[in-house]
């Protein structure tokens, strides 16, 4: 699970803090995207599809890798693949008017882009033949994993369908596993792999940079003060309620002596289901009773959930411990810009006083689940957003990765890469008609990694392979507020002759995500699937026993079924 988290920083005038202008735009954009998400009754409204690409010189920065979750089955038979991109009932139309296969639309939310460091001279040049160039790499929604989990569950059900699934390719590197070495205690560690390749434009290099957090066991983590905020709206009846209880049980099993917990609903009346209390250990009896007796029905709004959840969280808050609120929902509730701003303000970290970060857990049938709300809560609340489509997925996403889910090692993480003379970075950022916002606020957790995939091209005829690529990580210690830094450097010859298995997996994961998007928008788009098969074949040759690659193979085969 990834925890290099993208979110706005503190942003409430009532707290004496100000929102950065770029982050205000981001939260406003999230709020606008959620304008149609109004309660359970709106589930039949348009479920807008995601777009945006990453990695291969397209749109948006890539982010961290994470492990998989086990699958389950859908319960309703969809009517077909369906386009979730906003095309009308006549089907997608090529904008060129030539009859060629249309490209999937660009994601229209403001996003950060890679920035060239101002010390580069001349700053406007993307490549220098005799000077190094330094870049600050953009990280977008770095702990969001709802999209790939949703797509996975939809594809592995009895009636594979991507109808209603937002495919956001940058989240796929967050979701899948990349086993780079862990950092020393209290530190972050940079790693890199580089693979030479070619495309229609000529020679190129695939660069994959990883930032790892330190190892931490369940017994080593600080005490946790957890508030569960359970969506009681009518749309939660059935499978969503079953999965909510499965997810809550998994979380209850991870608690230990010294932890505290509270449970609230999203209801305006009687929202406190379990007042804050110290647990007796894993599977505390009072906590399990509150979970098992939870029922759905009545009005349910995120605004009320925030009020009840933060009131409970404040009662059990301990500055140097871990303080988290977990929102569990099928995504069918209402969110306002004020809600998102409050989430961001409460997640603010200060020296010796950690924020109350939000964890968003989506549940429900993949054909009915809406991830807009879940993703927005995670982004604004500086925490992960995940989708749980089966009890097995709950165990894998919430249980096996619990320490990384709730923990925090670093905030304000910055990743810079310096390229040798003659090598340029292909710009990764927003499309020309999409507003660009500042770098997301990024955090890092124990047992975690961020994976950034970029494409490099030589801009000189004879590239010197003795040149070096350097990665510099800067961050703020999440507890003490102390600024820290780590740097790693490799010669091109060292990288090109070294292991390339994880960069090959990164290419396969991104190509698979692009195939999903292409099929969503144009059912006959075989070119993207062919490219994904090619990347997958190379990755499996490097990692023949990788179970996630085997599962991607299964899903690519399902895409080709009539």
Protein backbone atom coordinates (compact mmCIF):
# COMPACT_ATOMS: atom_id res chain seq x y z
CA UNK A 1 0.00 0.00 0.00
CA UNK A 2 1.28 3.38 -0.84
CA UNK A 3 1.50 6.24 1.57
CA UNK A 4 3.38 8.95 -0.21
CA UNK A 5 0.21 10.89 0.05
CA UNK A 6 -0.95 13.76 -2.10
CA UNK A 7 -3.14 16.33 -0.39
CA UNK A 8 -3.63 20.00 0.31
CA UNK A 9 -2.05 21.28 3.54
CA UNK A 10 -3.90 22.95 6.41
CA UNK A 11 -6.46 25.38 5.15
CA UNK A 12 -8.95 26.85 7.61
CA UNK A 13 -9.21 30.50 8.54
CA UNK A 14 -10.64 29.42 11.88
CA UNK A 15 -7.35 27.78 12.76
CA UNK A 16 -5.26 30.78 11.84
CA UNK A 17 -3.78 28.97 8.83
CA UNK A 18 -4.08 29.86 5.17
CA UNK A 19 -4.60 27.61 2.17
CA UNK A 20 -2.05 27.85 -0.61
CA UNK A 21 -3.70 29.22 -3.74
CA UNK A 22 -2.86 26.10 -5.74
CA UNK A 23 -4.39 23.85 -3.11
CA UNK A 24 -7.55 25.93 -3.00
CA UNK A 25 -7.90 25.30 -6.73
CA UNK A 26 -7.36 21.59 -6.17
CA UNK A 27 -9.97 21.29 -3.42
CA UNK A 28 -12.39 23.40 -5.45
CA UNK A 29 -11.82 21.09 -8.42
CA UNK A 30 -12.50 18.03 -6.29
CA UNK A 31 -15.65 19.67 -5.02
CA UNK A 32 -16.77 20.41 -8.57
CA UNK A 33 -16.16 16.82 -9.62
CA UNK A 34 -18.31 15.72 -6.68
CA UNK A 35 -21.18 18.07 -7.50
CA UNK A 36 -23.22 15.19 -8.91
CA UNK A 37 -22.54 12.84 -5.96
CA UNK A 38 -25.64 13.51 -3.97
CA UNK A 39 -26.68 10.58 -1.81
CA UNK A 40 -27.80 7.10 -2.66
CA UNK A 41 -30.55 8.27 -4.96
CA UNK A 42 -27.97 9.59 -7.37
CA UNK A 43 -26.32 6.28 -8.15
CA UNK A 44 -28.09 6.04 -11.47
CA UNK A 45 -26.75 9.43 -12.50
CA UNK A 46 -23.84 9.59 -14.92
CA UNK A 47 -20.79 7.86 -13.45
CA UNK A 48 -18.16 9.87 -15.19
CA UNK A 49 -15.11 7.97 -16.38
CA UNK A 50 -11.55 8.81 -15.55
CA UNK A 51 -8.83 9.70 -17.92
CA UNK A 52 -5.37 11.05 -17.78
CA UNK A 53 -2.28 9.02 -18.32
CA UNK A 54 1.09 8.61 -16.78
CA UNK A 55 4.52 7.28 -17.34
CA UNK A 56 4.90 7.19 -21.10
CA UNK A 57 5.15 10.92 -21.69
CA UNK A 58 1.45 11.58 -21.28
CA UNK A 59 -0.56 13.32 -18.57
CA UNK A 60 0.05 13.54 -14.80
CA UNK A 61 2.82 12.47 -12.45
CA UNK A 62 3.12 8.87 -11.34
CA UNK A 63 3.20 7.76 -7.76
CA UNK A 64 3.86 5.03 -5.34
CA UNK A 65 3.59 1.26 -5.72
CA UNK A 66 1.51 -0.94 -3.50
CA UNK A 67 0.47 -4.49 -3.11
CA UNK A 68 -2.63 -6.15 -4.48
CA UNK A 69 -5.83 -7.29 -2.88
CA UNK A 70 -7.76 -10.47 -3.30
CA UNK A 71 -10.85 -10.52 -5.46
CA UNK A 72 -14.55 -11.26 -5.36
CA UNK A 73 -17.53 -11.33 -7.62
CA UNK A 74 -19.96 -8.71 -8.82
CA UNK A 75 -23.63 -9.33 -8.31
CA UNK A 76 -25.33 -7.61 -11.21
CA UNK A 77 -24.92 -8.28 -14.89
CA UNK A 78 -23.88 -5.12 -16.75
CA UNK A 79 -25.20 -4.35 -20.19
CA UNK A 80 -21.76 -4.16 -21.80
CA UNK A 81 -18.37 -2.51 -21.61
CA UNK A 82 -19.94 0.90 -21.75
CA UNK A 83 -18.23 4.25 -22.19
CA UNK A 84 -17.76 6.25 -19.01
CA UNK A 85 -16.07 9.12 -20.74
CA UNK A 86 -19.05 11.27 -21.51
CA UNK A 87 -19.67 10.12 -25.09
CA UNK A 88 -23.27 10.26 -26.15
CA UNK A 89 -25.43 7.25 -26.96
CA UNK A 90 -24.22 7.11 -30.54
CA UNK A 91 -20.77 6.09 -29.28
CA UNK A 92 -17.39 7.75 -29.36
CA UNK A 93 -16.59 9.90 -32.35
CA UNK A 94 -13.12 10.65 -33.65
CA UNK A 95 -12.37 14.32 -33.17
CA UNK A 96 -10.29 14.29 -36.31
CA UNK A 97 -13.21 13.31 -38.49
CA UNK A 98 -11.04 10.76 -40.25
CA UNK A 99 -12.67 7.68 -38.80
CA UNK A 100 -9.52 6.73 -36.90
CA UNK A 101 -9.79 5.28 -33.42
CA UNK A 102 -10.24 8.20 -31.01
CA UNK A 103 -7.82 8.71 -28.16
CA UNK A 104 -9.22 8.55 -24.63
CA UNK A 105 -10.00 12.04 -23.30
CA UNK A 106 -7.61 13.81 -20.98
CA UNK A 107 -8.38 14.02 -17.27
CA UNK A 108 -9.61 17.55 -16.68
CA UNK A 109 -8.82 18.04 -12.98
CA UNK A 110 -6.00 20.52 -12.27
CA UNK A 111 -2.82 18.58 -11.64
CA UNK A 112 0.82 19.16 -10.74
CA UNK A 113 3.52 18.80 -13.38
CA UNK A 114 7.26 18.19 -13.29
CA UNK A 115 9.11 21.46 -12.71
CA UNK A 116 12.57 22.34 -13.92
CA UNK A 117 14.68 23.66 -11.05
CA UNK A 118 15.31 27.43 -11.38
CA UNK A 119 19.08 27.04 -11.02
CA UNK A 120 19.26 25.44 -14.48
CA UNK A 121 20.92 27.71 -17.03
CA UNK A 122 19.39 28.47 -19.44
CA UNK A 123 16.19 27.68 -17.56
CA UNK A 124 14.00 27.46 -20.68
CA UNK A 125 16.08 24.69 -22.27
CA UNK A 126 14.85 21.14 -21.64
CA UNK A 127 18.24 19.68 -22.45
CA UNK A 128 21.84 20.87 -22.17
CA UNK A 129 24.61 19.18 -24.14
CA UNK A 130 27.32 20.07 -21.63
CA UNK A 131 25.48 20.77 -18.35
CA UNK A 132 23.36 18.79 -15.93
CA UNK A 133 19.65 19.56 -15.58
CA UNK A 134 17.62 19.17 -12.38
CA UNK A 135 13.91 18.52 -12.06
CA UNK A 136 11.40 18.42 -9.25
CA UNK A 137 9.20 15.41 -9.98
CA UNK A 138 5.45 15.83 -9.57
CA UNK A 139 3.52 13.39 -7.42
CA UNK A 140 -0.23 13.21 -7.93
CA UNK A 141 -2.76 11.59 -5.58
CA UNK A 142 0.14 9.54 -4.30
CA UNK A 143 -1.82 7.36 -1.92
CA UNK A 144 -4.96 6.85 -4.02
CA UNK A 145 -5.60 3.22 -4.96
CA UNK A 146 -9.36 3.05 -5.42
CA UNK A 147 -9.28 3.10 -9.23
CA UNK A 148 -7.10 0.00 -9.88
CA UNK A 149 -8.83 -1.98 -7.12
CA UNK A 150 -12.23 -1.06 -8.59
CA UNK A 151 -11.13 -2.04 -12.10
CA UNK A 152 -9.69 -5.29 -10.78
CA UNK A 153 -12.88 -6.24 -8.97
CA UNK A 154 -15.01 -5.36 -12.00
CA UNK A 155 -12.85 -7.43 -14.35
CA UNK A 156 -12.66 -10.51 -12.10
CA UNK A 157 -16.41 -10.77 -11.54
CA UNK A 158 -18.71 -13.18 -13.40
CA UNK A 159 -19.64 -10.47 -15.92
CA UNK A 160 -16.47 -8.44 -16.59
CA UNK A 161 -17.35 -4.83 -17.28
CA UNK A 162 -15.67 -1.44 -16.84
CA UNK A 163 -18.97 0.43 -16.81
CA UNK A 164 -18.83 3.03 -14.05
CA UNK A 165 -15.10 2.52 -13.39
CA UNK A 166 -12.85 5.58 -13.44
CA UNK A 167 -9.46 4.42 -14.74
CA UNK A 168 -6.78 6.76 -13.40
CA UNK A 169 -3.45 5.30 -14.60
CA UNK A 170 -1.27 7.12 -12.08
CA UNK A 171 -2.98 5.19 -9.25
CA UNK A 172 -1.87 1.83 -10.67
CA UNK A 173 1.74 2.39 -9.59
CA UNK A 174 0.36 3.09 -6.10
CA UNK A 175 -1.51 -0.21 -6.04
CA UNK A 176 0.95 -2.81 -7.31
CA UNK A 177 4.03 -4.12 -5.50
CA UNK A 178 7.61 -2.98 -6.20
CA UNK A 179 10.05 -4.56 -3.74
CA UNK A 180 12.76 -1.92 -3.55
CA UNK A 181 14.95 -1.97 -0.39
CA UNK A 182 13.52 -0.43 2.79
CA UNK A 183 15.05 2.68 4.35
CA UNK A 184 16.89 2.78 7.71
CA UNK A 185 14.76 3.75 10.76
CA UNK A 186 13.51 7.33 10.60
CA UNK A 187 14.81 7.82 7.05
CA UNK A 188 13.74 7.64 3.42
CA UNK A 189 15.77 5.83 0.77
CA UNK A 190 16.03 6.45 -3.00
CA UNK A 191 16.43 3.69 -5.57
CA UNK A 192 16.42 3.75 -9.38
CA UNK A 193 16.33 1.44 -12.39
CA UNK A 194 16.95 2.42 -16.02
CA UNK A 195 16.21 0.49 -19.21
CA UNK A 196 17.28 1.45 -22.74
CA UNK A 197 14.54 1.22 -25.35
CA UNK A 198 13.29 2.63 -28.64
CA UNK A 199 10.04 3.89 -30.08
CA UNK A 200 8.89 5.73 -33.21
CA UNK A 201 10.82 8.82 -32.12
CA UNK A 202 14.10 6.96 -31.68
CA UNK A 203 16.28 6.02 -28.70
CA UNK A 204 14.93 6.52 -25.19
CA UNK A 205 15.32 5.34 -21.61
CA UNK A 206 12.65 4.24 -19.16
CA UNK A 207 13.58 5.59 -15.71
CA UNK A 208 11.88 4.35 -12.58
CA UNK A 209 12.64 6.11 -9.29
CA UNK A 210 11.50 4.65 -5.97
CA UNK A 211 11.38 6.28 -2.55
CA UNK A 212 11.13 3.80 0.32
CA UNK A 213 10.05 4.35 3.88
CA UNK A 214 11.56 2.55 6.87
CA UNK A 215 10.54 -0.87 8.10
CA UNK A 216 8.17 -0.94 11.08
CA UNK A 217 6.48 -3.96 12.67
CA UNK A 218 3.04 -3.95 14.27
CA UNK A 219 4.60 -4.04 17.73
CA UNK A 220 6.90 -1.11 16.94
CA UNK A 221 4.24 1.31 15.78
CA UNK A 222 3.11 4.10 18.15
CA UNK A 223 -0.25 3.82 19.86
CA UNK A 224 -3.20 4.43 17.56
CA UNK A 225 -6.36 6.42 18.27
CA UNK A 226 -8.89 5.40 15.63
CA UNK A 227 -12.35 6.69 14.80
CA UNK A 228 -14.56 4.67 12.43
CA UNK A 229 -17.15 6.76 10.56
CA UNK A 230 -19.66 4.36 8.97
CA UNK A 231 -22.01 5.44 6.18
CA UNK A 232 -25.59 4.56 7.12
CA UNK A 233 -27.30 5.74 3.90
CA UNK A 234 -29.89 3.45 2.32
CA UNK A 235 -27.66 2.66 -0.65
CA UNK A 236 -25.37 0.78 1.76
CA UNK A 237 -27.90 -2.04 2.21
CA UNK A 238 -26.79 -5.44 0.97
CA UNK A 239 -23.27 -6.11 -0.24
CA UNK A 240 -21.93 -2.68 0.75
CA UNK A 241 -23.01 -3.20 4.36
CA UNK A 242 -21.48 -6.69 4.43
CA UNK A 243 -18.18 -5.32 3.15
CA UNK A 244 -18.31 -2.38 5.57
CA UNK A 245 -18.50 -4.87 8.43
CA UNK A 246 -15.75 -7.04 6.91
CA UNK A 247 -13.47 -4.01 6.61
CA UNK A 248 -14.28 -2.87 10.15
CA UNK A 249 -13.57 -6.34 11.54
CA UNK A 250 -10.18 -6.38 9.82
CA UNK A 251 -9.31 -3.01 11.33
CA UNK A 252 -10.48 -4.17 14.78
CA UNK A 253 -8.17 -7.17 14.55
CA UNK A 254 -5.11 -4.90 14.13
CA UNK A 255 -5.62 -2.95 17.36
CA UNK A 256 -3.62 -3.72 20.51
CA UNK A 257 -3.40 -2.70 24.13
CA UNK A 258 -2.65 1.03 24.28
CA UNK A 259 -4.89 1.85 21.32
CA UNK A 260 -8.26 3.57 21.56
CA UNK A 261 -11.27 3.55 19.26
CA UNK A 262 -14.62 5.22 18.65
CA UNK A 263 -17.41 4.47 16.18
CA UNK A 264 -19.83 7.01 14.69
CA UNK A 265 -22.35 6.98 11.85
CA UNK A 266 -23.12 9.60 9.23
CA UNK A 267 -26.59 10.15 10.68
CA UNK A 268 -27.85 13.45 12.02
CA UNK A 269 -29.47 11.68 14.99
CA UNK A 270 -27.72 9.29 17.36
CA UNK A 271 -24.48 9.31 15.42
CA UNK A 272 -22.27 8.07 18.29
CA UNK A 273 -22.33 4.27 18.20
CA UNK A 274 -19.34 3.70 20.49
CA UNK A 275 -17.84 6.55 22.55
CA UNK A 276 -14.03 6.72 22.68
CA UNK A 277 -12.59 3.86 24.73
CA UNK A 278 -9.32 2.01 25.24
CA UNK A 279 -9.38 -1.41 23.61
CA UNK A 280 -8.55 -4.61 25.46
CA UNK A 281 -6.52 -5.80 22.46
CA UNK A 282 -7.30 -7.23 19.02
CA UNK A 283 -11.02 -7.81 18.37
CA UNK A 284 -12.25 -5.92 21.41
CA UNK A 285 -15.72 -7.27 22.27
CA UNK A 286 -17.41 -3.87 22.65
CA UNK A 287 -15.97 -2.70 19.33
CA UNK A 288 -17.13 -5.84 17.51
CA UNK A 289 -20.60 -5.45 19.01
CA UNK A 290 -20.82 -1.85 17.73
CA UNK A 291 -19.80 -3.04 14.27
CA UNK A 292 -22.08 -6.08 14.16
CA UNK A 293 -25.18 -4.17 15.33
CA UNK A 294 -24.66 -1.28 12.89
CA UNK A 295 -27.61 -0.84 10.52
CA UNK A 296 -28.31 1.44 7.58
CA UNK A 297 -31.18 3.80 6.85
CA UNK A 298 -32.08 7.43 7.34
CA UNK A 299 -30.33 10.60 6.26
CA UNK A 300 -26.56 10.41 5.88
CA UNK A 301 -24.31 13.30 4.97
CA UNK A 302 -20.53 13.69 4.96
CA UNK A 303 -20.86 17.02 6.79
CA UNK A 304 -22.49 15.27 9.76
CA UNK A 305 -19.96 12.43 9.56
CA UNK A 306 -17.11 14.94 9.79
CA UNK A 307 -18.67 16.66 12.78
CA UNK A 308 -19.23 13.43 14.71
CA UNK A 309 -15.93 11.82 13.70
CA UNK A 310 -13.69 14.75 14.60
CA UNK A 311 -15.53 15.29 17.88
CA UNK A 312 -14.73 11.69 18.81
CA UNK A 313 -11.18 11.97 17.47
CA UNK A 314 -10.56 15.10 19.55
CA UNK A 315 -11.66 13.30 22.72
CA UNK A 316 -9.00 10.61 22.26
CA UNK A 317 -6.30 12.71 20.58
CA UNK A 318 -2.68 12.23 21.75
CA UNK A 319 -0.19 14.57 19.98
CA UNK A 320 2.75 12.16 19.60
CA UNK A 321 0.65 9.09 18.75
CA UNK A 322 -1.16 8.15 15.54
CA UNK A 323 -4.60 9.74 15.21
CA UNK A 324 -6.80 8.64 12.28
CA UNK A 325 -10.40 8.78 11.09
CA UNK A 326 -11.58 6.02 8.73
CA UNK A 327 -14.56 6.87 6.52
CA UNK A 328 -16.25 3.77 5.05
CA UNK A 329 -18.85 4.33 2.31
CA UNK A 330 -20.11 3.20 -1.08
CA UNK A 331 -19.40 6.74 -2.34
CA UNK A 332 -23.04 7.76 -2.71
CA UNK A 333 -23.05 10.65 -0.23
CA UNK A 334 -22.67 14.40 -0.63
CA UNK A 335 -19.42 16.36 -0.24
CA UNK A 336 -19.02 20.12 -0.32
CA UNK A 337 -15.95 22.30 -0.72
CA UNK A 338 -16.23 23.19 2.97
CA UNK A 339 -16.14 19.47 3.82
CA UNK A 340 -12.93 18.99 1.83
CA UNK A 341 -11.32 22.07 3.32
CA UNK A 342 -12.13 20.82 6.81
CA UNK A 343 -10.55 17.44 6.02
CA UNK A 344 -7.39 19.22 4.88
CA UNK A 345 -7.27 21.50 7.92
CA UNK A 346 -7.65 18.62 10.40
CA UNK A 347 -4.88 16.64 8.65
CA UNK A 348 -2.28 19.36 9.23
CA UNK A 349 0.93 18.10 10.84
CA UNK A 350 2.90 20.32 13.21
CA UNK A 351 6.11 19.58 15.14
CA UNK A 352 5.30 17.22 18.02
CA UNK A 353 1.61 17.44 17.11
CA UNK A 354 0.51 15.17 14.27
CA UNK A 355 -2.66 15.85 12.34
CA UNK A 356 -5.77 13.68 12.23
CA UNK A 357 -5.40 12.17 8.77
CA UNK A 358 -8.39 10.67 6.98
CA UNK A 359 -8.45 7.17 5.49
CA UNK A 360 -11.17 6.59 2.88
CA UNK A 361 -12.43 3.04 2.34
CA UNK A 362 -14.85 2.39 -0.51
CA UNK A 363 -17.10 -0.67 -0.40
CA UNK A 364 -19.85 -2.20 -2.50
CA UNK A 365 -20.63 -3.94 -5.74
CA UNK A 366 -18.23 -2.72 -8.45
CA UNK A 367 -21.15 -1.94 -10.77
CA UNK A 368 -22.69 0.43 -8.19
CA UNK A 369 -19.70 1.84 -6.32
CA UNK A 370 -18.69 5.46 -6.95
CA UNK A 371 -15.11 6.36 -6.13
CA UNK A 372 -15.23 10.15 -6.65
CA UNK A 373 -16.10 10.77 -3.00
CA UNK A 374 -13.64 8.18 -1.66
CA UNK A 375 -10.79 9.60 -3.73
CA UNK A 376 -11.61 13.17 -2.68
CA UNK A 377 -11.65 12.28 1.03
CA UNK A 378 -8.24 10.64 0.74
CA UNK A 379 -6.70 13.52 -1.19
CA UNK A 380 -8.10 16.25 1.08
CA UNK A 381 -7.53 14.29 4.28
CA UNK A 382 -3.88 13.40 3.52
CA UNK A 383 -4.54 9.69 3.68
CA UNK A 384 -5.00 6.63 1.52
CA UNK A 385 -8.12 5.87 -0.49
CA UNK A 386 -8.85 2.22 -1.17
CA UNK A 387 -11.68 0.10 -2.54
CA UNK A 388 -12.72 -3.13 -0.84
CA UNK A 389 -14.78 -5.37 -3.07
CA UNK A 390 -14.51 -8.62 -1.10
CA UNK A 391 -13.60 -9.88 2.39
CA UNK A 392 -10.30 -11.12 0.98
CA UNK A 393 -9.55 -7.64 -0.35
CA UNK A 394 -10.25 -6.23 3.11
CA UNK A 395 -7.66 -8.58 4.62
CA UNK A 396 -5.03 -7.69 2.02
CA UNK A 397 -5.57 -3.94 1.77
CA UNK A 398 -6.45 -3.12 5.38
CA UNK A 399 -4.91 -5.96 7.38
CA UNK A 400 -1.62 -6.96 5.77
CA UNK A 401 -0.71 -3.31 5.12
CA UNK A 402 -2.11 -1.84 8.31
CA UNK A 403 1.09 -0.21 9.60
CA UNK A 404 1.65 1.57 6.28
CA UNK A 405 -2.04 2.49 6.12
CA UNK A 406 -2.11 4.36 9.43
CA UNK A 407 1.57 5.22 9.97
CA UNK A 408 3.50 8.35 9.04
CA UNK A 409 7.25 8.88 8.73
CA UNK A 410 7.62 12.06 6.69
CA UNK A 411 5.64 15.03 5.43
CA UNK A 412 6.37 17.63 2.76
CA UNK A 413 8.28 15.07 0.71
CA UNK A 414 10.07 16.45 -2.37
CA UNK A 415 11.73 14.31 -5.03
CA UNK A 416 14.35 15.88 -7.33
CA UNK A 417 16.28 14.18 -10.13
CA UNK A 418 19.44 15.53 -11.77
CA UNK A 419 20.18 14.31 -15.29
CA UNK A 420 23.62 14.17 -16.94
CA UNK A 421 24.50 16.36 -19.94
CA UNK A 422 22.79 15.28 -23.14
CA UNK A 423 19.77 13.65 -21.51
CA UNK A 424 16.33 15.25 -21.25
CA UNK A 425 13.17 14.45 -19.34
CA UNK A 426 9.97 14.11 -21.33
CA UNK A 427 7.54 16.53 -19.76
CA UNK A 428 4.83 14.87 -17.68
CA UNK A 429 2.01 17.16 -16.64
CA UNK A 430 -1.35 18.50 -17.64
CA UNK A 431 -2.77 18.75 -21.11
CA UNK A 432 -2.57 22.25 -22.64
CA UNK A 433 -6.20 23.07 -21.77
CA UNK A 434 -5.96 21.83 -18.17
CA UNK A 435 -5.07 24.17 -15.34
CA UNK A 436 -1.79 23.31 -13.62
CA UNK A 437 -1.66 23.52 -9.82
CA UNK A 438 1.28 23.40 -7.45
CA UNK A 439 2.93 20.23 -6.19
CA UNK A 440 0.69 18.11 -3.97
CA UNK A 441 1.61 17.94 -0.30
CA UNK A 442 3.22 14.49 -0.08
CA UNK A 443 3.75 12.29 2.98
CA UNK A 444 5.51 8.94 3.48
CA UNK A 445 4.69 6.00 5.74
CA UNK A 446 6.59 3.01 7.15
CA UNK A 447 6.91 -0.12 4.99
CA UNK A 448 5.98 2.01 2.02
CA UNK A 449 7.27 3.13 -1.34
CA UNK A 450 6.52 5.68 -4.02
CA UNK A 451 7.28 4.70 -7.60
CA UNK A 452 7.77 7.44 -10.20
CA UNK A 453 8.06 6.38 -13.83
CA UNK A 454 9.52 8.77 -16.38
CA UNK A 455 10.83 8.66 -19.93
CA UNK A 456 14.21 10.15 -20.86
CA UNK A 457 15.59 10.94 -24.31
CA UNK A 458 19.11 11.76 -25.47
CA UNK A 459 19.42 15.17 -27.11
CA UNK A 460 22.98 14.68 -28.37
CA UNK A 461 24.32 12.31 -30.99
CA UNK A 462 26.85 10.66 -28.65
CA UNK A 463 25.54 10.37 -25.09
CA UNK A 464 28.27 9.87 -22.49
CA UNK A 465 27.25 6.83 -20.45
CA UNK A 466 29.71 7.78 -17.71
CA UNK A 467 27.35 10.58 -16.76
CA UNK A 468 25.32 10.15 -13.57
CA UNK A 469 21.68 10.34 -12.53
CA UNK A 470 21.17 11.66 -9.00
CA UNK A 471 18.00 11.53 -6.89
CA UNK A 472 17.58 13.85 -3.92
CA UNK A 473 14.77 13.44 -1.40
CA UNK A 474 13.85 16.20 1.01
CA UNK A 475 11.25 15.83 3.75
CA UNK A 476 10.11 16.94 7.18
CA UNK A 477 10.16 14.43 10.03
CA UNK A 478 6.49 13.80 10.77
CA UNK A 479 6.94 13.89 14.54
CA UNK A 480 9.75 16.36 15.28
CA UNK A 481 9.36 18.73 12.33
CA UNK A 482 13.09 18.38 11.60
CA UNK A 483 14.05 18.85 7.92
CA UNK A 484 15.88 15.83 6.47
CA UNK A 485 17.50 14.91 3.17
CA UNK A 486 18.89 11.86 1.38
CA UNK A 487 20.73 11.62 -1.94
CA UNK A 488 21.70 8.71 -4.18
CA UNK A 489 23.67 8.74 -7.43
CA UNK A 490 24.34 6.17 -10.15
CA UNK A 491 26.33 6.23 -13.38
CA UNK A 492 24.33 5.45 -16.51
CA UNK A 493 26.56 2.44 -17.13
CA UNK A 494 25.77 1.13 -13.64
CA UNK A 495 22.03 1.46 -14.10
CA UNK A 496 21.95 0.09 -17.65
CA UNK A 497 23.92 -3.01 -16.64
CA UNK A 498 21.92 -3.56 -13.45
CA UNK A 499 18.56 -5.05 -12.57
CA UNK A 500 15.64 -3.77 -14.66
CA UNK A 501 12.90 -6.08 -13.41
CA UNK A 502 10.94 -3.45 -11.49
CA UNK A 503 11.05 -0.88 -14.26
CA UNK A 504 9.77 -3.61 -16.60
CA UNK A 505 6.91 -4.26 -14.19
CA UNK A 506 6.18 -0.54 -14.01
CA UNK A 507 5.92 -0.37 -17.81
CA UNK A 508 3.57 -3.37 -17.82
CA UNK A 509 1.34 -1.90 -15.11
CA UNK A 510 1.03 1.44 -16.90
CA UNK A 511 0.40 -0.23 -20.28
CA UNK A 512 -2.34 -2.35 -18.66
CA UNK A 513 -3.97 0.80 -17.25
CA UNK A 514 -3.85 2.44 -20.67
CA UNK A 515 -5.44 -0.65 -22.22
CA UNK A 516 -8.31 -0.42 -19.75
CA UNK A 517 -8.87 3.23 -20.64
CA UNK A 518 -8.67 2.58 -24.35
CA UNK A 519 -11.20 -0.26 -24.18
CA UNK A 520 -13.54 1.89 -22.10
CA UNK A 521 -13.58 4.55 -24.77
CA UNK A 522 -13.41 2.38 -27.86
CA UNK A 523 -14.31 -1.32 -27.58
CA UNK A 524 -12.29 -2.23 -30.67
CA UNK A 525 -9.08 -0.54 -29.54
CA UNK A 526 -6.72 -3.50 -30.07
CA UNK A 527 -3.56 -1.40 -30.37
CA UNK A 528 -3.48 -0.56 -26.65
CA UNK A 529 -4.10 -4.18 -25.69
CA UNK A 530 -1.33 -5.37 -28.03
CA UNK A 531 1.06 -2.88 -26.43
CA UNK A 532 0.05 -4.08 -22.96
CA UNK A 533 0.69 -7.70 -23.93
CA UNK A 534 4.14 -6.76 -25.20
CA UNK A 535 5.04 -4.95 -21.98
CA UNK A 536 3.60 -7.77 -19.89
CA UNK A 537 5.65 -10.37 -21.74
CA UNK A 538 8.85 -8.46 -21.00
CA UNK A 539 7.92 -8.03 -17.34
CA UNK A 540 7.07 -11.72 -16.89
CA UNK A 541 10.42 -12.66 -18.40
CA UNK A 542 12.08 -10.56 -15.70
CA UNK A 543 9.72 -11.63 -12.89
CA UNK A 544 8.34 -15.06 -13.86
CA UNK A 545 6.86 -15.80 -10.42
CA UNK A 546 5.14 -12.44 -9.89
CA UNK A 547 1.50 -13.20 -9.06
CA UNK A 548 0.32 -9.67 -9.80
CA UNK A 549 1.63 -9.94 -13.37
CA UNK A 550 -0.16 -13.29 -13.71
CA UNK A 551 -3.38 -11.59 -12.62
CA UNK A 552 -2.87 -8.73 -15.09
CA UNK A 553 -2.48 -11.39 -17.79
CA UNK A 554 -5.84 -12.82 -16.75
CA UNK A 555 -7.50 -9.42 -16.98
CA UNK A 556 -5.96 -8.58 -20.36
CA UNK A 557 -7.35 -11.89 -21.63
CA UNK A 558 -10.78 -10.90 -20.30
CA UNK A 559 -10.56 -7.61 -22.21
CA UNK A 560 -10.25 -9.56 -25.45
CA UNK A 561 -13.19 -11.85 -24.82
CA UNK A 562 -16.22 -11.15 -27.05
